[in-house]
Amino acid sequence: MHFVVSWDIQAEGEAWKAANAALKECLSGYSWVKPLTTLYIVRIRNEEAYESIKESIKEVARTSTVTVHFLVTPVMHGGRYDGWLPKSMWPMIRERARDNE
């Protein structure tokens, strides 16, 4: 089981780096891959993990000194991604998107 999260940070330089680091910290402890600049495919074991991560990201967005927008997909079971990415990215994406055993 997995989900996708992406964010936009309306800042530059150190302010962007600080907000991005705070958002990435919300994913700490989870297996994720970043195929695009701020798009993450995150592997989770249960819905509680999803809700916890989502709430953490909301809190960062709510309390940030810069504007942060984000989008989170619903939890997905399995699935196949398609696109134009470096060849080395696809095995990492498949690992996160495979259904839990």
C-alpha atoms as a PDB file:
ATOM      1  CA  MET A   1       0.000   0.000   0.000  1.00  0.00           C
ATOM      2  CA  HIS A   2       1.260   3.444  -0.851  1.00  0.00           C
ATOM      3  CA  PHE A   3       0.286   7.012  -1.624  1.00  0.00           C
ATOM      4  CA  VAL A   4       1.726   9.960  -3.515  1.00  0.00           C
ATOM      5  CA  VAL A   5       2.376  13.392  -2.064  1.00  0.00           C
ATOM      6  CA  SER A   6       3.645  16.491  -3.816  1.00  0.00           C
ATOM      7  CA  TRP A   7       4.172  20.022  -2.583  1.00  0.00           C
ATOM      8  CA  ASP A   8       4.906  23.523  -3.792  1.00  0.00           C
ATOM      9  CA  ILE A   9       6.799  25.930  -1.583  1.00  0.00           C
ATOM     10  CA  GLN A  10       6.422  29.594  -2.440  1.00  0.00           C
ATOM     11  CA  ALA A  11       9.899  30.676  -1.387  1.00  0.00           C
ATOM     12  CA  GLU A  12      13.468  30.579  -2.596  1.00  0.00           C
ATOM     13  CA  GLY A  13      16.903  29.901  -1.200  1.00  0.00           C
ATOM     14  CA  GLU A  14      17.242  29.066   2.483  1.00  0.00           C
ATOM     15  CA  ALA A  15      13.531  29.566   3.197  1.00  0.00           C
ATOM     16  CA  TRP A  16      12.656  26.982   0.508  1.00  0.00           C
ATOM     17  CA  LYS A  17      15.281  24.565   1.835  1.00  0.00           C
ATOM     18  CA  ALA A  18      13.990  24.882   5.415  1.00  0.00           C
ATOM     19  CA  ALA A  19      10.357  24.280   4.437  1.00  0.00           C
ATOM     20  CA  ASN A  20      11.309  21.373   2.180  1.00  0.00           C
ATOM     21  CA  ALA A  21      13.387  19.787   4.963  1.00  0.00           C
ATOM     22  CA  ALA A  22      10.450  20.092   7.382  1.00  0.00           C
ATOM     23  CA  LEU A  23       8.126  18.425   4.876  1.00  0.00           C
ATOM     24  CA  LYS A  24      10.609  15.634   4.124  1.00  0.00           C
ATOM     25  CA  GLU A  25      10.938  15.028   7.870  1.00  0.00           C
ATOM     26  CA  CYS A  26       7.247  14.032   7.835  1.00  0.00           C
ATOM     27  CA  LEU A  27       8.280  11.058   5.669  1.00  0.00           C
ATOM     28  CA  SER A  28      11.115  10.007   7.972  1.00  0.00           C
ATOM     29  CA  GLY A  29      11.012   6.321   8.820  1.00  0.00           C
ATOM     30  CA  TYR A  30       9.044   5.408   5.702  1.00  0.00           C
ATOM     31  CA  SER A  31      10.269   3.979   2.408  1.00  0.00           C
ATOM     32  CA  TRP A  32       9.866   6.576  -0.330  1.00  0.00           C
ATOM     33  CA  VAL A  33      11.165   7.454  -3.752  1.00  0.00           C
ATOM     34  CA  LYS A  34      11.278  10.927  -5.337  1.00  0.00           C
ATOM     35  CA  PRO A  35      10.874  10.620  -9.133  1.00  0.00           C
ATOM     36  CA  LEU A  36      10.232  14.366  -9.592  1.00  0.00           C
ATOM     37  CA  THR A  37      11.445  17.461  -7.745  1.00  0.00           C
ATOM     38  CA  THR A  38       8.840  17.397  -4.956  1.00  0.00           C
ATOM     39  CA  LEU A  39       6.754  14.318  -5.764  1.00  0.00           C
ATOM     40  CA  TYR A  40       7.132  11.356  -3.441  1.00  0.00           C
ATOM     41  CA  ILE A  41       5.757   7.822  -3.668  1.00  0.00           C
ATOM     42  CA  VAL A  42       5.562   6.618  -0.068  1.00  0.00           C
ATOM     43  CA  ARG A  43       5.158   2.994   0.997  1.00  0.00           C
ATOM     44  CA  ILE A  44       3.081   2.473   4.154  1.00  0.00           C
ATOM     45  CA  ARG A  45       1.839  -0.525   6.107  1.00  0.00           C
ATOM     46  CA  ASN A  46      -1.570   0.784   7.175  1.00  0.00           C
ATOM     47  CA  GLU A  47      -4.091   3.631   7.021  1.00  0.00           C
ATOM     48  CA  GLU A  48      -2.914   4.947  10.401  1.00  0.00           C
ATOM     49  CA  ALA A  49       0.520   5.693   8.939  1.00  0.00           C
ATOM     50  CA  TYR A  50      -1.145   7.521   6.047  1.00  0.00           C
ATOM     51  CA  GLU A  51      -3.235   9.658   8.393  1.00  0.00           C
ATOM     52  CA  SER A  52      -0.230  10.398  10.589  1.00  0.00           C
ATOM     53  CA  ILE A  53       1.927  11.530   7.663  1.00  0.00           C
ATOM     54  CA  LYS A  54      -0.901  13.577   6.185  1.00  0.00           C
ATOM     55  CA  GLU A  55      -1.520  15.348   9.496  1.00  0.00           C
ATOM     56  CA  SER A  56       2.196  16.046   9.923  1.00  0.00           C
ATOM     57  CA  ILE A  57       2.375  17.618   6.469  1.00  0.00           C
ATOM     58  CA  LYS A  58      -0.737  19.696   7.215  1.00  0.00           C
ATOM     59  CA  GLU A  59       0.898  20.954  10.409  1.00  0.00           C
ATOM     60  CA  VAL A  60       4.061  21.980   8.532  1.00  0.00           C
ATOM     61  CA  ALA A  61       1.964  23.806   5.923  1.00  0.00           C
ATOM     62  CA  ARG A  62      -0.169  25.463   8.615  1.00  0.00           C
ATOM     63  CA  THR A  63       2.777  26.687  10.720  1.00  0.00           C
ATOM     64  CA  SER A  64       5.329  27.483   8.015  1.00  0.00           C
ATOM     65  CA  THR A  65       6.514  31.068   7.642  1.00  0.00           C
ATOM     66  CA  VAL A  66       6.244  30.617   3.852  1.00  0.00           C
ATOM     67  CA  THR A  67       3.272  29.442   1.806  1.00  0.00           C
ATOM     68  CA  VAL A  68       3.187  25.671   1.325  1.00  0.00           C
ATOM     69  CA  HIS A  69       0.632  23.909  -0.864  1.00  0.00           C
ATOM     70  CA  PHE A  70       0.435  20.138  -1.082  1.00  0.00           C
ATOM     71  CA  LEU A  71      -1.607  17.372  -2.608  1.00  0.00           C
ATOM     72  CA  VAL A  72      -1.982  13.841  -1.231  1.00  0.00           C
ATOM     73  CA  THR A  73      -3.564  10.958  -3.119  1.00  0.00           C
ATOM     74  CA  PRO A  74      -5.774   8.390  -1.441  1.00  0.00           C
ATOM     75  CA  VAL A  75      -4.077   5.193  -0.295  1.00  0.00           C
ATOM     76  CA  MET A  76      -3.479   2.864  -3.234  1.00  0.00           C
ATOM     77  CA  HIS A  77      -2.999  -0.905  -3.311  1.00  0.00           C
ATOM     78  CA  GLY A  78      -0.632  -1.997  -6.048  1.00  0.00           C
ATOM     79  CA  GLY A  79      -0.819  -0.265  -9.388  1.00  0.00           C
ATOM     80  CA  ARG A  80       1.476   0.600 -12.239  1.00  0.00           C
ATOM     81  CA  TYR A  81       3.084   3.924 -13.009  1.00  0.00           C
ATOM     82  CA  ASP A  82       4.041   5.140 -16.449  1.00  0.00           C
ATOM     83  CA  GLY A  83       6.045   8.106 -17.629  1.00  0.00           C
ATOM     84  CA  TRP A  84       9.419   9.300 -18.862  1.00  0.00           C
ATOM     85  CA  LEU A  85      12.017   8.909 -16.114  1.00  0.00           C
ATOM     86  CA  PRO A  86      15.569   7.613 -15.809  1.00  0.00           C
ATOM     87  CA  LYS A  87      15.595   3.829 -16.205  1.00  0.00           C
ATOM     88  CA  SER A  88      17.057   3.400 -12.708  1.00  0.00           C
ATOM     89  CA  MET A  89      13.956   5.025 -11.158  1.00  0.00           C
ATOM     90  CA  TRP A  90      11.448   2.356 -12.244  1.00  0.00           C
ATOM     91  CA  PRO A  91      12.576  -0.493  -9.942  1.00  0.00           C
ATOM     92  CA  MET A  92      12.440   1.916  -6.972  1.00  0.00           C
ATOM     93  CA  ILE A  93       8.925   3.018  -7.921  1.00  0.00           C
ATOM     94  CA  ARG A  94       7.743  -0.580  -8.374  1.00  0.00           C
ATOM     95  CA  GLU A  95       9.121  -1.472  -4.938  1.00  0.00           C
ATOM     96  CA  ARG A  96       7.047   1.239  -3.246  1.00  0.00           C
ATOM     97  CA  ALA A  97       3.909   0.612  -5.340  1.00  0.00           C
ATOM     98  CA  ARG A  98       3.744  -3.168  -4.951  1.00  0.00           C
ATOM     99  CA  ASP A  99       0.895  -4.424  -2.793  1.00  0.00           C
ATOM    100  CA  ASN A 100       1.725  -5.312   0.814  1.00  0.00           C
ATOM    101  CA  GLU A 101       2.021  -8.981   1.529  1.00  0.00           C
END
